[in-house]
């Protein structure tokens, strides 16, 4: 998509601080980190939301999740990390290009419990 900020990052039109890259995925540091470690893992191919992923995307989704541990460790989050996938408006998604947040750091992260 021509107006997608993450597609522009994939194309190199917008600079990013890369943490990992291969033919299918790109991981880069969030420009507004919520913790000392905050990396986004995205597919290079545009998929708007997790809800838009289909059976043909299973290997890609698995790859993205499998990379979370490696990326967290390489960034210094040795005792654990949080993965978050916001999906759609109600799920808090701001950029409509599928992405996995890898959030961690040297301190315990605050618990995120939804209150009704």
PDB file of N, CA and C in Angstrom:
ATOM      1  N   UNK A   1       0.838  -1.185   0.000  1.00  0.00           N
ATOM      2  CA  UNK A   1       0.000   0.000   0.000  1.00  0.00           C
ATOM      3  C   UNK A   1       0.877   1.240   0.000  1.00  0.00           C
ATOM      4  N   UNK A   2       0.566   2.176  -0.851  1.00  0.00           N
ATOM      5  CA  UNK A   2       1.427   3.341  -1.049  1.00  0.00           C
ATOM      6  C   UNK A   2       1.438   4.300   0.138  1.00  0.00           C
ATOM      7  N   UNK A   3       0.394   4.318   0.964  1.00  0.00           N
ATOM      8  CA  UNK A   3       0.356   5.266   2.073  1.00  0.00           C
ATOM      9  C   UNK A   3       0.682   4.625   3.422  1.00  0.00           C
ATOM     10  N   UNK A   4       1.058   3.361   3.444  1.00  0.00           N
ATOM     11  CA  UNK A   4       1.362   2.646   4.691  1.00  0.00           C
ATOM     12  C   UNK A   4       2.779   2.982   5.153  1.00  0.00           C
ATOM     13  N   UNK A   5       2.897   3.510   6.364  1.00  0.00           N
ATOM     14  CA  UNK A   5       4.208   3.902   6.883  1.00  0.00           C
ATOM     15  C   UNK A   5       5.145   2.707   7.009  1.00  0.00           C
ATOM     16  N   UNK A   6       4.629   1.535   7.384  1.00  0.00           N
ATOM     17  CA  UNK A   6       5.500   0.370   7.525  1.00  0.00           C
ATOM     18  C   UNK A   6       5.942  -0.149   6.158  1.00  0.00           C
ATOM     19  N   UNK A   7       5.094  -0.051   5.147  1.00  0.00           N
ATOM     20  CA  UNK A   7       5.512  -0.418   3.788  1.00  0.00           C
ATOM     21  C   UNK A   7       6.629   0.506   3.316  1.00  0.00           C
ATOM     22  N   UNK A   8       6.546   1.783   3.684  1.00  0.00           N
ATOM     23  CA  UNK A   8       7.592   2.735   3.319  1.00  0.00           C
ATOM     24  C   UNK A   8       8.899   2.409   4.044  1.00  0.00           C
ATOM     25  N   UNK A   9       8.802   1.932   5.277  1.00  0.00           N
ATOM     26  CA  UNK A   9      10.003   1.510   6.009  1.00  0.00           C
ATOM     27  C   UNK A   9      10.613   0.293   5.328  1.00  0.00           C
ATOM     28  N   UNK A  10       9.788  -0.675   4.925  1.00  0.00           N
ATOM     29  CA  UNK A  10      10.279  -1.862   4.216  1.00  0.00           C
ATOM     30  C   UNK A  10      11.017  -1.459   2.948  1.00  0.00           C
ATOM     31  N   UNK A  11      10.463  -0.500   2.202  1.00  0.00           N
ATOM     32  CA  UNK A  11      11.068  -0.055   0.935  1.00  0.00           C
ATOM     33  C   UNK A  11      12.307   0.814   1.137  1.00  0.00           C
ATOM     34  N   UNK A  12      12.561   1.240   2.375  1.00  0.00           N
ATOM     35  CA  UNK A  12      13.697   2.116   2.643  1.00  0.00           C
ATOM     36  C   UNK A  12      13.395   3.578   2.424  1.00  0.00           C
ATOM     37  N   UNK A  13      12.138   3.917   2.187  1.00  0.00           N
ATOM     38  CA  UNK A  13      11.746   5.313   1.974  1.00  0.00           C
ATOM     39  C   UNK A  13      11.746   6.098   3.282  1.00  0.00           C
ATOM     40  N   UNK A  14      11.553   5.400   4.386  1.00  0.00           N
ATOM     41  CA  UNK A  14      11.612   5.992   5.723  1.00  0.00           C
ATOM     42  C   UNK A  14      12.684   5.207   6.480  1.00  0.00           C
ATOM     43  N   UNK A  15      13.644   5.885   7.090  1.00  0.00           N
ATOM     44  CA  UNK A  15      14.710   5.172   7.799  1.00  0.00           C
ATOM     45  C   UNK A  15      14.194   4.492   9.069  1.00  0.00           C
ATOM     46  N   UNK A  16      14.870   3.426   9.440  1.00  0.00           N
ATOM     47  CA  UNK A  16      14.554   2.729  10.685  1.00  0.00           C
ATOM     48  C   UNK A  16      15.843   2.170  11.262  1.00  0.00           C
ATOM     49  N   UNK A  17      15.795   1.877  12.546  1.00  0.00           N
ATOM     50  CA  UNK A  17      16.937   1.231  13.209  1.00  0.00           C
ATOM     51  C   UNK A  17      16.615  -0.253  13.271  1.00  0.00           C
ATOM     52  N   UNK A  18      17.187  -1.005  12.359  1.00  0.00           N
ATOM     53  CA  UNK A  18      16.848  -2.409  12.194  1.00  0.00           C
ATOM     54  C   UNK A  18      17.452  -3.284  13.292  1.00  0.00           C
ATOM     55  N   UNK A  19      16.655  -4.272  13.714  1.00  0.00           N
ATOM     56  CA  UNK A  19      17.119  -5.273  14.662  1.00  0.00           C
ATOM     57  C   UNK A  19      17.287  -6.631  13.973  1.00  0.00           C
ATOM     58  N   UNK A  20      16.566  -6.827  12.857  1.00  0.00           N
ATOM     59  CA  UNK A  20      16.617  -8.091  12.116  1.00  0.00           C
ATOM     60  C   UNK A  20      15.961  -7.854  10.758  1.00  0.00           C
ATOM     61  N   UNK A  21      16.467  -8.574   9.745  1.00  0.00           N
ATOM     62  CA  UNK A  21      15.833  -8.506   8.433  1.00  0.00           C
ATOM     63  C   UNK A  21      16.174  -9.758   7.650  1.00  0.00           C
ATOM     64  N   UNK A  22      15.175 -10.278   6.935  1.00  0.00           N
ATOM     65  CA  UNK A  22      15.392 -11.328   5.948  1.00  0.00           C
ATOM     66  C   UNK A  22      14.435 -11.068   4.791  1.00  0.00           C
ATOM     67  N   UNK A  23      14.224 -12.042   3.937  1.00  0.00           N
ATOM     68  CA  UNK A  23      13.377 -11.840   2.756  1.00  0.00           C
ATOM     69  C   UNK A  23      11.906 -11.616   3.080  1.00  0.00           C
ATOM     70  N   UNK A  24      11.452 -12.107   4.242  1.00  0.00           N
ATOM     71  CA  UNK A  24      10.025 -12.060   4.568  1.00  0.00           C
ATOM     72  C   UNK A  24       9.644 -11.079   5.665  1.00  0.00           C
ATOM     73  N   UNK A  25      10.553 -10.818   6.593  1.00  0.00           N
ATOM     74  CA  UNK A  25      10.212  -9.980   7.746  1.00  0.00           C
ATOM     75  C   UNK A  25      11.279  -8.930   8.014  1.00  0.00           C
ATOM     76  N   UNK A  26      10.854  -7.899   8.706  1.00  0.00           N
ATOM     77  CA  UNK A  26      11.741  -6.837   9.156  1.00  0.00           C
ATOM     78  C   UNK A  26      11.407  -6.556  10.614  1.00  0.00           C
ATOM     79  N   UNK A  27      12.428  -6.408  11.434  1.00  0.00           N
ATOM     80  CA  UNK A  27      12.245  -6.011  12.832  1.00  0.00           C
ATOM     81  C   UNK A  27      13.027  -4.722  13.045  1.00  0.00           C
ATOM     82  N   UNK A  28      12.374  -3.754  13.661  1.00  0.00           N
ATOM     83  CA  UNK A  28      13.021  -2.465  13.883  1.00  0.00           C
ATOM     84  C   UNK A  28      12.560  -1.875  15.201  1.00  0.00           C
ATOM     85  N   UNK A  29      13.366  -0.963  15.728  1.00  0.00           N
ATOM     86  CA  UNK A  29      13.090  -0.335  17.019  1.00  0.00           C
ATOM     87  C   UNK A  29      11.944   0.666  16.885  1.00  0.00           C
ATOM     88  N   UNK A  30      11.023   0.615  17.844  1.00  0.00           N
ATOM     89  CA  UNK A  30       9.895   1.547  17.875  1.00  0.00           C
ATOM     90  C   UNK A  30      10.419   2.955  18.136  1.00  0.00           C
ATOM     91  N   UNK A  31       9.885   3.945  17.430  1.00  0.00           N
ATOM     92  CA  UNK A  31      10.359   5.319  17.619  1.00  0.00           C
ATOM     93  C   UNK A  31       9.817   5.953  18.903  1.00  0.00           C
ATOM     94  N   UNK A  32       8.792   5.347  19.506  1.00  0.00           N
ATOM     95  CA  UNK A  32       8.252   5.801  20.784  1.00  0.00           C
ATOM     96  C   UNK A  32       8.220   4.603  21.728  1.00  0.00           C
ATOM     97  N   UNK A  33       9.384   4.153  22.211  1.00  0.00           N
ATOM     98  CA  UNK A  33       9.436   2.921  22.993  1.00  0.00           C
ATOM     99  C   UNK A  33       8.676   3.012  24.311  1.00  0.00           C
ATOM    100  N   UNK A  34       7.979   1.922  24.642  1.00  0.00           N
ATOM    101  CA  UNK A  34       7.246   1.822  25.901  1.00  0.00           C
ATOM    102  C   UNK A  34       8.114   1.220  27.002  1.00  0.00           C
ATOM    103  N   UNK A  35       9.311   0.745  26.646  1.00  0.00           N
ATOM    104  CA  UNK A  35      10.222   0.104  27.592  1.00  0.00           C
ATOM    105  C   UNK A  35      11.624   0.168  26.985  1.00  0.00           C
ATOM    106  N   UNK A  36      12.652  -0.185  27.766  1.00  0.00           N
ATOM    107  CA  UNK A  36      14.011  -0.151  27.223  1.00  0.00           C
ATOM    108  C   UNK A  36      14.185  -0.986  25.954  1.00  0.00           C
ATOM    109  N   UNK A  37      13.493  -2.113  25.868  1.00  0.00           N
ATOM    110  CA  UNK A  37      13.478  -2.909  24.642  1.00  0.00           C
ATOM    111  C   UNK A  37      12.078  -2.787  24.048  1.00  0.00           C
ATOM    112  N   UNK A  38      11.981  -2.274  22.833  1.00  0.00           N
ATOM    113  CA  UNK A  38      10.686  -2.177  22.151  1.00  0.00           C
ATOM    114  C   UNK A  38      10.947  -2.251  20.653  1.00  0.00           C
ATOM    115  N   UNK A  39      10.771  -3.446  20.127  1.00  0.00           N
ATOM    116  CA  UNK A  39      11.028  -3.725  18.719  1.00  0.00           C
ATOM    117  C   UNK A  39       9.723  -4.180  18.074  1.00  0.00           C
ATOM    118  N   UNK A  40       9.513  -3.773  16.835  1.00  0.00           N
ATOM    119  CA  UNK A  40       8.352  -4.213  16.060  1.00  0.00           C
ATOM    120  C   UNK A  40       8.814  -5.211  15.011  1.00  0.00           C
ATOM    121  N   UNK A  41       8.104  -6.319  14.891  1.00  0.00           N
ATOM    122  CA  UNK A  41       8.372  -7.305  13.847  1.00  0.00           C
ATOM    123  C   UNK A  41       7.214  -7.238  12.866  1.00  0.00           C
ATOM    124  N   UNK A  42       7.536  -7.004  11.587  1.00  0.00           N
ATOM    125  CA  UNK A  42       6.484  -6.865  10.573  1.00  0.00           C
ATOM    126  C   UNK A  42       6.775  -7.786   9.392  1.00  0.00           C
ATOM    127  N   UNK A  43       5.721  -8.233   8.716  1.00  0.00           N
ATOM    128  CA  UNK A  43       5.953  -8.920   7.447  1.00  0.00           C
ATOM    129  C   UNK A  43       6.288  -7.876   6.397  1.00  0.00           C
ATOM    130  N   UNK A  44       7.150  -8.217   5.468  1.00  0.00           N
ATOM    131  CA  UNK A  44       7.464  -7.266   4.400  1.00  0.00           C
ATOM    132  C   UNK A  44       6.284  -7.102   3.449  1.00  0.00           C
ATOM    133  N   UNK A  45       5.500  -8.141   3.323  1.00  0.00           N
ATOM    134  CA  UNK A  45       4.284  -8.075   2.501  1.00  0.00           C
ATOM    135  C   UNK A  45       3.185  -7.443   3.345  1.00  0.00           C
ATOM    136  N   UNK A  46       2.435  -6.542   2.769  1.00  0.00           N
ATOM    137  CA  UNK A  46       1.389  -5.842   3.514  1.00  0.00           C
ATOM    138  C   UNK A  46       0.239  -6.784   3.878  1.00  0.00           C
ATOM    139  N   UNK A  47       0.016  -6.918   5.168  1.00  0.00           N
ATOM    140  CA  UNK A  47      -1.170  -7.564   5.732  1.00  0.00           C
ATOM    141  C   UNK A  47      -1.688  -6.544   6.740  1.00  0.00           C
ATOM    142  N   UNK A  48      -2.894  -6.062   6.565  1.00  0.00           N
ATOM    143  CA  UNK A  48      -3.382  -4.944   7.383  1.00  0.00           C
ATOM    144  C   UNK A  48      -3.494  -5.299   8.867  1.00  0.00           C
ATOM    145  N   UNK A  49      -4.114  -6.418   9.190  1.00  0.00           N
ATOM    146  CA  UNK A  49      -4.321  -6.795  10.587  1.00  0.00           C
ATOM    147  C   UNK A  49      -4.154  -8.300  10.737  1.00  0.00           C
ATOM    148  N   UNK A  50      -4.029  -8.748  11.964  1.00  0.00           N
ATOM    149  CA  UNK A  50      -3.967 -10.188  12.215  1.00  0.00           C
ATOM    150  C   UNK A  50      -5.241 -10.859  11.718  1.00  0.00           C
ATOM    151  N   UNK A  51      -6.356 -10.172  11.799  1.00  0.00           N
ATOM    152  CA  UNK A  51      -7.635 -10.723  11.328  1.00  0.00           C
ATOM    153  C   UNK A  51      -7.649 -10.921   9.815  1.00  0.00           C
ATOM    154  N   UNK A  52      -6.779 -10.242   9.093  1.00  0.00           N
ATOM    155  CA  UNK A  52      -6.695 -10.384   7.642  1.00  0.00           C
ATOM    156  C   UNK A  52      -5.758 -11.506   7.211  1.00  0.00           C
ATOM    157  N   UNK A  53      -5.012 -12.079   8.154  1.00  0.00           N
ATOM    158  CA  UNK A  53      -4.119 -13.183   7.826  1.00  0.00           C
ATOM    159  C   UNK A  53      -4.952 -14.435   7.578  1.00  0.00           C
ATOM    160  N   UNK A  54      -4.525 -15.231   6.629  1.00  0.00           N
ATOM    161  CA  UNK A  54      -5.272 -16.434   6.280  1.00  0.00           C
ATOM    162  C   UNK A  54      -4.423 -17.680   6.400  1.00  0.00           C
ATOM    163  N   UNK A  55      -4.984 -18.820   5.993  1.00  0.00           N
ATOM    164  CA  UNK A  55      -4.255 -20.089   6.087  1.00  0.00           C
ATOM    165  C   UNK A  55      -2.905 -20.065   5.365  1.00  0.00           C
ATOM    166  N   UNK A  56      -2.777 -19.304   4.291  1.00  0.00           N
ATOM    167  CA  UNK A  56      -1.515 -19.216   3.578  1.00  0.00           C
ATOM    168  C   UNK A  56      -0.448 -18.421   4.314  1.00  0.00           C
ATOM    169  N   UNK A  57      -0.818 -17.769   5.413  1.00  0.00           N
ATOM    170  CA  UNK A  57       0.113 -16.941   6.186  1.00  0.00           C
ATOM    171  C   UNK A  57       0.639 -17.639   7.434  1.00  0.00           C
ATOM    172  N   UNK A  58       0.258 -18.891   7.634  1.00  0.00           N
ATOM    173  CA  UNK A  58       0.628 -19.584   8.873  1.00  0.00           C
ATOM    174  C   UNK A  58       2.133 -19.643   9.085  1.00  0.00           C
ATOM    175  N   UNK A  59       2.900 -19.986   8.063  1.00  0.00           N
ATOM    176  CA  UNK A  59       4.352 -20.082   8.213  1.00  0.00           C
ATOM    177  C   UNK A  59       4.960 -18.719   8.544  1.00  0.00           C
ATOM    178  N   UNK A  60       4.478 -17.675   7.895  1.00  0.00           N
ATOM    179  CA  UNK A  60       4.977 -16.322   8.151  1.00  0.00           C
ATOM    180  C   UNK A  60       4.675 -15.899   9.587  1.00  0.00           C
ATOM    181  N   UNK A  61       3.452 -16.147  10.047  1.00  0.00           N
ATOM    182  CA  UNK A  61       3.087 -15.788  11.415  1.00  0.00           C
ATOM    183  C   UNK A  61       3.929 -16.560  12.421  1.00  0.00           C
ATOM    184  N   UNK A  62       4.141 -17.839  12.151  1.00  0.00           N
ATOM    185  CA  UNK A  62       4.980 -18.658  13.030  1.00  0.00           C
ATOM    186  C   UNK A  62       6.406 -18.130  13.072  1.00  0.00           C
ATOM    187  N   UNK A  63       6.921 -17.745  11.940  1.00  0.00           N
ATOM    188  CA  UNK A  63       8.272 -17.197  11.865  1.00  0.00           C
ATOM    189  C   UNK A  63       8.379 -15.924  12.695  1.00  0.00           C
ATOM    190  N   UNK A  64       7.368 -15.056  12.570  1.00  0.00           N
ATOM    191  CA  UNK A  64       7.386 -13.805  13.324  1.00  0.00           C
ATOM    192  C   UNK A  64       7.409 -14.077  14.828  1.00  0.00           C
ATOM    193  N   UNK A  65       6.582 -14.983  15.285  1.00  0.00           N
ATOM    194  CA  UNK A  65       6.558 -15.297  16.718  1.00  0.00           C
ATOM    195  C   UNK A  65       7.831 -16.001  17.155  1.00  0.00           C
ATOM    196  N   UNK A  66       8.354 -16.882  16.319  1.00  0.00           N
ATOM    197  CA  UNK A  66       9.584 -17.601  16.666  1.00  0.00           C
ATOM    198  C   UNK A  66      10.774 -16.649  16.792  1.00  0.00           C
ATOM    199  N   UNK A  67      10.749 -15.535  16.099  1.00  0.00           N
ATOM    200  CA  UNK A  67      11.838 -14.557  16.177  1.00  0.00           C
ATOM    201  C   UNK A  67      11.814 -13.734  17.457  1.00  0.00           C
ATOM    202  N   UNK A  68      10.704 -13.704  18.167  1.00  0.00           N
ATOM    203  CA  UNK A  68      10.594 -12.818  19.330  1.00  0.00           C
ATOM    204  C   UNK A  68      11.660 -13.102  20.375  1.00  0.00           C
ATOM    205  N   UNK A  69      11.922 -14.362  20.681  1.00  0.00           N
ATOM    206  CA  UNK A  69      12.922 -14.699  21.700  1.00  0.00           C
ATOM    207  C   UNK A  69      14.314 -14.265  21.302  1.00  0.00           C
ATOM    208  N   UNK A  70      14.667 -14.546  20.065  1.00  0.00           N
ATOM    209  CA  UNK A  70      15.994 -14.153  19.566  1.00  0.00           C
ATOM    210  C   UNK A  70      16.179 -12.648  19.653  1.00  0.00           C
ATOM    211  N   UNK A  71      15.180 -11.916  19.166  1.00  0.00           N
ATOM    212  CA  UNK A  71      15.278 -10.457  19.154  1.00  0.00           C
ATOM    213  C   UNK A  71      15.331  -9.911  20.575  1.00  0.00           C
ATOM    214  N   UNK A  72      14.490 -10.422  21.459  1.00  0.00           N
ATOM    215  CA  UNK A  72      14.493  -9.960  22.852  1.00  0.00           C
ATOM    216  C   UNK A  72      15.862 -10.185  23.493  1.00  0.00           C
ATOM    217  N   UNK A  73      16.412 -11.384  23.319  1.00  0.00           N
ATOM    218  CA  UNK A  73      17.727 -11.685  23.906  1.00  0.00           C
ATOM    219  C   UNK A  73      18.816 -10.778  23.320  1.00  0.00           C
ATOM    220  N   UNK A  74      18.813 -10.630  21.995  1.00  0.00           N
ATOM    221  CA  UNK A  74      19.838  -9.795  21.354  1.00  0.00           C
ATOM    222  C   UNK A  74      19.763  -8.339  21.798  1.00  0.00           C
ATOM    223  N   UNK A  75      18.578  -7.883  22.197  1.00  0.00           N
ATOM    224  CA  UNK A  75      18.395  -6.500  22.635  1.00  0.00           C
ATOM    225  C   UNK A  75      18.602  -6.341  24.141  1.00  0.00           C
ATOM    226  N   UNK A  76      18.899  -7.445  24.837  1.00  0.00           N
ATOM    227  CA  UNK A  76      19.211  -7.366  26.258  1.00  0.00           C
ATOM    228  C   UNK A  76      18.091  -7.737  27.197  1.00  0.00           C
ATOM    229  N   UNK A  77      17.000  -8.220  26.690  1.00  0.00           N
ATOM    230  CA  UNK A  77      15.884  -8.629  27.535  1.00  0.00           C
ATOM    231  C   UNK A  77      16.040 -10.119  27.839  1.00  0.00           C
ATOM    232  N   UNK A  78      16.859 -10.415  28.854  1.00  0.00           N
ATOM    233  CA  UNK A  78      17.277 -11.784  29.128  1.00  0.00           C
ATOM    234  C   UNK A  78      16.339 -12.549  30.057  1.00  0.00           C
ATOM    235  N   UNK A  79      15.534 -11.849  30.835  1.00  0.00           N
ATOM    236  CA  UNK A  79      14.695 -12.523  31.821  1.00  0.00           C
ATOM    237  C   UNK A  79      13.222 -12.553  31.433  1.00  0.00           C
ATOM    238  N   UNK A  80      12.923 -12.248  30.205  1.00  0.00           N
ATOM    239  CA  UNK A  80      11.538 -12.277  29.757  1.00  0.00           C
ATOM    240  C   UNK A  80      11.177 -11.028  28.976  1.00  0.00           C
ATOM    241  N   UNK A  81      10.059 -11.121  28.336  1.00  0.00           N
ATOM    242  CA  UNK A  81       9.592 -10.024  27.495  1.00  0.00           C
ATOM    243  C   UNK A  81       8.098 -10.218  27.258  1.00  0.00           C
ATOM    244  N   UNK A  82       7.477  -9.209  26.702  1.00  0.00           N
ATOM    245  CA  UNK A  82       6.053  -9.258  26.380  1.00  0.00           C
ATOM    246  C   UNK A  82       5.902  -9.152  24.872  1.00  0.00           C
ATOM    247  N   UNK A  83       4.971  -9.940  24.320  1.00  0.00           N
ATOM    248  CA  UNK A  83       4.617  -9.795  22.911  1.00  0.00           C
ATOM    249  C   UNK A  83       3.182  -9.296  22.850  1.00  0.00           C
ATOM    250  N   UNK A  84       2.950  -8.347  21.959  1.00  0.00           N
ATOM    251  CA  UNK A  84       1.620  -7.759  21.817  1.00  0.00           C
ATOM    252  C   UNK A  84       1.304  -7.624  20.333  1.00  0.00           C
ATOM    253  N   UNK A  85       0.101  -8.037  19.962  1.00  0.00           N
ATOM    254  CA  UNK A  85      -0.408  -7.807  18.611  1.00  0.00           C
ATOM    255  C   UNK A  85      -1.754  -7.109  18.774  1.00  0.00           C
ATOM    256  N   UNK A  86      -1.786  -5.817  18.510  1.00  0.00           N
ATOM    257  CA  UNK A  86      -3.041  -5.068  18.549  1.00  0.00           C
ATOM    258  C   UNK A  86      -3.753  -5.288  17.218  1.00  0.00           C
ATOM    259  N   UNK A  87      -5.044  -5.587  17.275  1.00  0.00           N
ATOM    260  CA  UNK A  87      -5.786  -5.907  16.055  1.00  0.00           C
ATOM    261  C   UNK A  87      -7.036  -5.054  15.949  1.00  0.00           C
ATOM    262  N   UNK A  88      -7.064  -4.197  14.926  1.00  0.00           N
ATOM    263  CA  UNK A  88      -8.238  -3.369  14.668  1.00  0.00           C
ATOM    264  C   UNK A  88      -8.372  -2.203  15.625  1.00  0.00           C
ATOM    265  N   UNK A  89      -9.348  -1.369  15.346  1.00  0.00           N
ATOM    266  CA  UNK A  89      -9.575  -0.154  16.137  1.00  0.00           C
ATOM    267  C   UNK A  89      -9.820  -0.469  17.607  1.00  0.00           C
ATOM    268  N   UNK A  90     -10.715  -1.403  17.881  1.00  0.00           N
ATOM    269  CA  UNK A  90     -11.035  -1.752  19.262  1.00  0.00           C
ATOM    270  C   UNK A  90      -9.843  -2.375  19.970  1.00  0.00           C
ATOM    271  N   UNK A  91      -8.994  -3.075  19.230  1.00  0.00           N
ATOM    272  CA  UNK A  91      -7.798  -3.689  19.795  1.00  0.00           C
ATOM    273  C   UNK A  91      -6.638  -2.735  19.975  1.00  0.00           C
ATOM    274  N   UNK A  92      -6.812  -1.477  19.594  1.00  0.00           N
ATOM    275  CA  UNK A  92      -5.785  -0.471  19.811  1.00  0.00           C
ATOM    276  C   UNK A  92      -4.751  -0.375  18.707  1.00  0.00           C
ATOM    277  N   UNK A  93      -5.037  -0.921  17.525  1.00  0.00           N
ATOM    278  CA  UNK A  93      -4.086  -0.865  16.427  1.00  0.00           C
ATOM    279  C   UNK A  93      -4.056   0.542  15.836  1.00  0.00           C
ATOM    280  N   UNK A  94      -2.869   1.143  15.767  1.00  0.00           N
ATOM    281  CA  UNK A  94      -2.713   2.483  15.203  1.00  0.00           C
ATOM    282  C   UNK A  94      -2.229   2.442  13.759  1.00  0.00           C
ATOM    283  N   UNK A  95      -1.330   1.521  13.446  1.00  0.00           N
ATOM    284  CA  UNK A  95      -0.808   1.387  12.088  1.00  0.00           C
ATOM    285  C   UNK A  95      -1.377   0.099  11.507  1.00  0.00           C
ATOM    286  N   UNK A  96      -2.081   0.221  10.392  1.00  0.00           N
ATOM    287  CA  UNK A  96      -2.747  -0.930   9.790  1.00  0.00           C
ATOM    288  C   UNK A  96      -1.813  -1.680   8.839  1.00  0.00           C
ATOM    289  N   UNK A  97      -0.789  -2.243   9.448  1.00  0.00           N
ATOM    290  CA  UNK A  97       0.146  -3.191   8.849  1.00  0.00           C
ATOM    291  C   UNK A  97       0.492  -4.102  10.017  1.00  0.00           C
ATOM    292  N   UNK A  98       0.185  -5.366   9.890  1.00  0.00           N
ATOM    293  CA  UNK A  98       0.403  -6.327  10.971  1.00  0.00           C
ATOM    294  C   UNK A  98       1.776  -6.141  11.595  1.00  0.00           C
ATOM    295  N   UNK A  99       1.830  -6.104  12.918  1.00  0.00           N
ATOM    296  CA  UNK A  99       3.102  -6.013  13.616  1.00  0.00           C
ATOM    297  C   UNK A  99       3.005  -6.620  15.006  1.00  0.00           C
ATOM    298  N   UNK A 100       4.114  -7.216  15.424  1.00  0.00           N
ATOM    299  CA  UNK A 100       4.244  -7.795  16.758  1.00  0.00           C
ATOM    300  C   UNK A 100       5.194  -6.903  17.542  1.00  0.00           C
ATOM    301  N   UNK A 101       4.724  -6.422  18.692  1.00  0.00           N
ATOM    302  CA  UNK A 101       5.588  -5.665  19.591  1.00  0.00           C
ATOM    303  C   UNK A 101       6.355  -6.653  20.457  1.00  0.00           C
ATOM    304  N   UNK A 102       7.655  -6.460  20.585  1.00  0.00           N
ATOM    305  CA  UNK A 102       8.488  -7.207  21.524  1.00  0.00           C
ATOM    306  C   UNK A 102       8.956  -6.173  22.531  1.00  0.00           C
ATOM    307  N   UNK A 103       8.478  -6.308  23.771  1.00  0.00           N
ATOM    308  CA  UNK A 103       8.711  -5.289  24.795  1.00  0.00           C
ATOM    309  C   UNK A 103       9.364  -5.937  26.005  1.00  0.00           C
ATOM    310  N   UNK A 104      10.460  -5.362  26.448  1.00  0.00           N
ATOM    311  CA  UNK A 104      11.152  -5.901  27.613  1.00  0.00           C
ATOM    312  C   UNK A 104      12.190  -4.938  28.113  1.00  0.00           C
ATOM    313  N   UNK A 105      13.012  -5.427  28.996  1.00  0.00           N
ATOM    314  CA  UNK A 105      14.076  -4.608  29.550  1.00  0.00           C
ATOM    315  C   UNK A 105      14.583  -5.209  30.839  1.00  0.00           C
ATOM    316  N   UNK A 106      15.431  -4.485  31.511  1.00  0.00           N
ATOM    317  CA  UNK A 106      16.056  -5.030  32.710  1.00  0.00           C
ATOM    318  C   UNK A 106      15.150  -5.089  33.932  1.00  0.00           C
ATOM    319  N   UNK A 107      14.030  -4.407  33.915  1.00  0.00           N
ATOM    320  CA  UNK A 107      13.119  -4.407  35.062  1.00  0.00           C
ATOM    321  C   UNK A 107      11.851  -5.174  34.714  1.00  0.00           C
ATOM    322  N   UNK A 108      11.141  -5.658  35.720  1.00  0.00           N
ATOM    323  CA  UNK A 108       9.842  -6.275  35.403  1.00  0.00           C
ATOM    324  C   UNK A 108       8.900  -5.255  34.768  1.00  0.00           C
ATOM    325  N   UNK A 109       8.158  -5.702  33.796  1.00  0.00           N
ATOM    326  CA  UNK A 109       7.182  -4.836  33.139  1.00  0.00           C
ATOM    327  C   UNK A 109       5.912  -4.790  33.975  1.00  0.00           C
ATOM    328  N   UNK A 110       5.200  -3.676  33.972  1.00  0.00           N
ATOM    329  CA  UNK A 110       3.943  -3.620  34.728  1.00  0.00           C
ATOM    330  C   UNK A 110       2.918  -4.565  34.128  1.00  0.00           C
ATOM    331  N   UNK A 111       2.088  -5.129  34.972  1.00  0.00           N
ATOM    332  CA  UNK A 111       1.031  -6.027  34.492  1.00  0.00           C
ATOM    333  C   UNK A 111      -0.013  -5.187  33.762  1.00  0.00           C
ATOM    334  N   UNK A 112      -0.500  -5.735  32.663  1.00  0.00           N
ATOM    335  CA  UNK A 112      -1.541  -5.051  31.884  1.00  0.00           C
ATOM    336  C   UNK A 112      -2.791  -5.893  31.982  1.00  0.00           C
ATOM    337  N   UNK A 113      -3.677  -5.510  32.861  1.00  0.00           N
ATOM    338  CA  UNK A 113      -4.917  -6.258  33.060  1.00  0.00           C
ATOM    339  C   UNK A 113      -6.080  -5.358  32.662  1.00  0.00           C
ATOM    340  N   UNK A 114      -6.904  -5.862  31.779  1.00  0.00           N
ATOM    341  CA  UNK A 114      -8.070  -5.091  31.348  1.00  0.00           C
ATOM    342  C   UNK A 114      -9.067  -4.997  32.494  1.00  0.00           C
ATOM    343  N   UNK A 115      -9.571  -3.801  32.719  1.00  0.00           N
ATOM    344  CA  UNK A 115     -10.588  -3.588  33.758  1.00  0.00           C
ATOM    345  C   UNK A 115     -11.911  -3.356  33.071  1.00  0.00           C
ATOM    346  N   UNK A 116     -12.922  -3.978  33.576  1.00  0.00           N
ATOM    347  CA  UNK A 116     -14.262  -3.828  32.974  1.00  0.00           C
ATOM    348  C   UNK A 116     -15.039  -2.740  33.642  1.00  0.00           C
TER     349      UNK A 116
END
